[in-house]
Protein backbone atom coordinates (compact mmCIF):
# COMPACT_ATOMS: atom_id res chain seq x y z
CA MET A 1 35.67 223.87 -23.33
CA VAL A 2 36.23 220.94 -20.97
CA VAL A 3 39.76 220.30 -19.70
CA ARG A 4 40.03 216.96 -17.95
CA ASN A 5 42.45 214.34 -16.68
CA ASN A 6 45.61 216.48 -16.83
CA ILE A 7 48.53 217.19 -14.56
CA PHE A 8 49.65 220.84 -14.46
CA ARG A 9 53.06 220.64 -12.83
CA ASN A 10 55.91 223.10 -12.20
CA ASN A 11 54.58 225.93 -14.36
CA THR A 12 55.80 229.48 -13.67
CA ALA A 13 54.33 232.88 -14.54
CA TYR A 14 55.14 236.46 -13.60
CA TRP A 15 51.52 237.05 -12.49
CA GLY A 16 48.05 235.66 -13.26
CA GLY A 17 47.71 231.91 -12.97
CA ALA A 18 50.84 229.84 -13.43
CA ALA A 19 48.90 226.88 -14.86
CA VAL A 20 45.63 228.40 -16.15
CA TYR A 21 44.60 232.00 -16.88
CA MET A 22 40.93 232.54 -17.79
CA THR A 23 39.30 235.69 -19.07
CA SER A 24 35.81 235.97 -20.55
CA SER A 25 35.33 232.21 -20.68
CA SER A 26 33.18 229.51 -19.17
CA ASN A 27 35.53 226.53 -19.10
CA THR A 28 35.11 223.35 -17.11
CA LEU A 29 38.12 221.80 -15.39
CA LYS A 30 37.52 218.24 -14.22
CA ASN A 31 39.75 215.58 -12.65
CA ASN A 32 42.94 217.66 -12.93
CA THR A 33 45.94 217.90 -10.64
CA PHE A 34 47.72 221.21 -10.04
CA VAL A 35 51.07 220.74 -8.30
CA GLY A 36 54.14 222.91 -7.86
CA ASN A 37 52.91 225.86 -9.93
CA SER A 38 54.13 229.32 -8.96
CA THR A 39 53.91 232.98 -9.81
CA ILE A 40 56.91 235.20 -9.27
CA ASP A 41 55.47 238.64 -8.55
CA GLY A 42 52.47 238.02 -6.35
CA TYR A 43 50.74 241.14 -7.79
CA PRO A 44 47.81 241.74 -5.40
CA GLY A 45 44.44 240.89 -6.90
CA TYR A 46 45.78 239.40 -10.13
CA THR A 47 47.78 236.39 -9.03
CA ALA A 48 47.15 232.75 -8.21
CA GLY A 49 49.52 229.83 -7.89
CA ALA A 50 47.47 227.51 -10.11
CA ILE A 51 44.38 229.16 -11.66
CA PHE A 52 43.38 232.78 -12.20
CA ALA A 53 39.87 233.66 -13.44
CA ASP A 54 38.81 237.26 -14.05
CA TYR A 55 35.36 238.76 -13.41
CA GLN A 56 34.11 237.76 -16.89
CA ALA A 57 35.11 234.11 -16.50
CA TYR A 58 32.70 231.55 -15.10
CA PRO A 59 34.75 228.40 -14.54
CA THR A 60 33.46 225.16 -13.14
CA ILE A 61 36.15 223.22 -11.27
CA SER A 62 35.42 219.77 -9.90
CA ASN A 63 37.21 216.73 -8.52
CA SER A 64 40.63 218.39 -8.86
CA ILE A 65 43.68 218.33 -6.60
CA PHE A 66 45.68 221.45 -5.64
CA TRP A 67 49.00 220.86 -3.94
CA ASP A 68 52.19 222.84 -3.30
CA ASN A 69 51.30 225.89 -5.42
CA HIS A 70 52.99 229.23 -4.66
CA ILE A 71 52.42 232.97 -5.04
CA GLY A 72 55.47 235.19 -4.86
CA GLY A 73 57.25 232.66 -2.67
CA ILE A 74 54.27 232.07 -0.33
CA LEU A 75 53.41 228.37 -0.22
CA ASN A 76 49.72 227.50 -0.77
CA HIS A 77 48.63 231.11 -0.19
CA VAL A 78 46.00 230.97 -2.92
CA ASP A 79 45.72 228.08 -5.35
CA THR A 80 42.84 229.59 -7.27
CA TYR A 81 41.81 233.24 -7.50
CA TYR A 82 38.55 234.55 -8.90
CA TYR A 83 38.52 238.30 -9.59
CA TYR A 84 35.07 239.86 -9.31
CA GLY A 85 35.99 243.31 -10.71
């Protein structure tokens, strides 16, 4: 699946990715903006402010903007997290 030309703004999740959570998928994200997304818990190894991809996901992310995303109250700590397992 190709996800393009979107704005992911002010999404909140307990853990994972506040805007996008990928597992066992090979999605393409192109020309997107991720701004002001946040996770509450900050669970180590399973949390990202904008995008979380597990070890079975193979995302392609290009020409995208990441700005002001939070993990457990930490500003811009990790916008995107890829878990290798």
